[in-house]
Protein backbone atom coordinates (compact mmCIF):
# COMPACT_ATOMS: atom_id res chain seq x y z
CA MET A 1 0.00 0.00 0.00
CA GLU A 2 1.17 3.50 -0.71
CA TYR A 3 0.15 5.60 2.30
CA LYS A 4 0.78 8.85 0.42
CA GLN A 5 -2.43 8.24 -1.54
CA ARG A 6 -4.46 8.38 1.70
CA ILE A 7 -2.48 10.59 4.11
CA GLU A 8 -1.94 14.32 3.74
CA SER A 9 -0.45 17.10 5.81
CA ASN A 10 -1.69 20.65 5.30
CA TYR A 11 -1.04 23.48 7.74
CA GLN A 12 -4.64 24.64 7.25
CA ILE A 13 -6.05 21.30 8.44
CA MET A 14 -5.44 20.24 12.04
CA LEU A 15 -2.37 22.51 12.21
CA GLY A 16 -0.50 20.37 9.70
CA LYS A 17 -0.81 17.05 11.52
CA PRO A 18 -1.07 14.12 9.11
CA VAL A 19 -4.72 13.27 8.44
CA ILE A 20 -6.72 10.92 6.26
CA LYS A 21 -7.29 12.84 3.01
CA GLY A 22 -10.64 14.57 2.86
CA THR A 23 -11.19 14.31 6.63
CA ARG A 24 -10.01 15.86 9.86
CA ILE A 25 -9.18 12.42 11.28
CA THR A 26 -5.53 12.43 12.31
CA VAL A 27 -3.10 9.55 12.10
CA GLU A 28 -2.46 10.23 15.77
CA LEU A 29 -6.13 9.65 16.66
CA ILE A 30 -6.24 6.37 14.77
CA LEU A 31 -3.07 5.10 16.45
CA LYS A 32 -4.23 6.16 19.92
CA LYS A 33 -7.58 4.43 19.44
CA LEU A 34 -5.87 1.22 18.26
CA ALA A 35 -3.41 1.38 21.16
CA GLY A 36 -6.32 1.89 23.54
CA GLY A 37 -7.99 -1.33 22.45
CA PHE A 38 -10.20 -0.29 19.55
CA THR A 39 -10.32 -2.78 16.71
CA VAL A 40 -10.34 -1.86 13.04
CA ASP A 41 -14.05 -2.70 13.01
CA ASP A 42 -14.62 -0.41 16.02
CA LEU A 43 -12.96 2.47 14.16
CA LEU A 44 -14.92 1.79 10.99
CA GLY A 45 -18.14 1.80 13.01
CA SER A 46 -17.25 5.01 14.83
CA TYR A 47 -16.04 7.04 11.83
CA ASP A 48 -18.24 6.64 8.75
CA GLN A 49 -15.74 8.33 6.44
CA LEU A 50 -12.94 5.86 7.29
CA LYS A 51 -12.09 2.84 5.20
CA LYS A 52 -9.94 -0.10 6.24
CA GLU A 53 -7.27 1.08 3.78
CA ASP A 54 -7.14 4.43 5.61
CA ILE A 55 -6.37 2.71 8.90
CA LEU A 56 -3.69 0.56 7.30
CA ALA A 57 -2.22 3.67 5.66
CA ALA A 58 -2.05 5.39 9.06
CA ILE A 59 -0.13 2.42 10.49
CA GLU A 60 2.19 2.35 7.48
CA TYR A 61 2.80 6.11 7.79
CA ALA A 62 3.72 5.75 11.46
CA ALA A 63 6.04 2.82 10.72
CA ASN A 64 7.82 4.84 8.04
CA VAL A 65 8.25 7.82 10.36
CA ILE A 66 9.82 5.57 12.99
CA ALA A 67 11.98 3.80 10.41
CA ASP A 68 13.39 7.14 9.25
CA GLU A 69 13.98 8.39 12.78
CA GLU A 70 17.58 9.01 13.74
CA THR A 71 18.81 7.95 17.12
CA ILE A 72 21.73 9.42 18.96
CA GLU A 73 23.54 7.56 21.68
CA PRO A 74 23.92 9.60 24.86
CA VAL A 75 27.41 10.66 25.87
CA LYS A 76 28.46 9.02 29.12
C-alpha cells in the first residue's frame, strides 16, 4: 500500500498534523484508538468516512516515520 495516496499534511487542516485525506481524522487519533484497544471494526463503526485502507495507511505512515527516525547515543 502507498500511504501517500491516503495521508496528507496541510497546515490549514489540524495545524499540519497528518490526516486521512478529505477528513479531519488524524493519524495520531487512529493510532491512539488502536493502542487503547479499539479494533479496526470499532474504528470503521465510529467514523463513517474511514475505510480499512485508511487505517492501514495510518499504520504504514507511522512505521515509516519511525523507520526514518535518527537515534543518537547519549554521551556518558
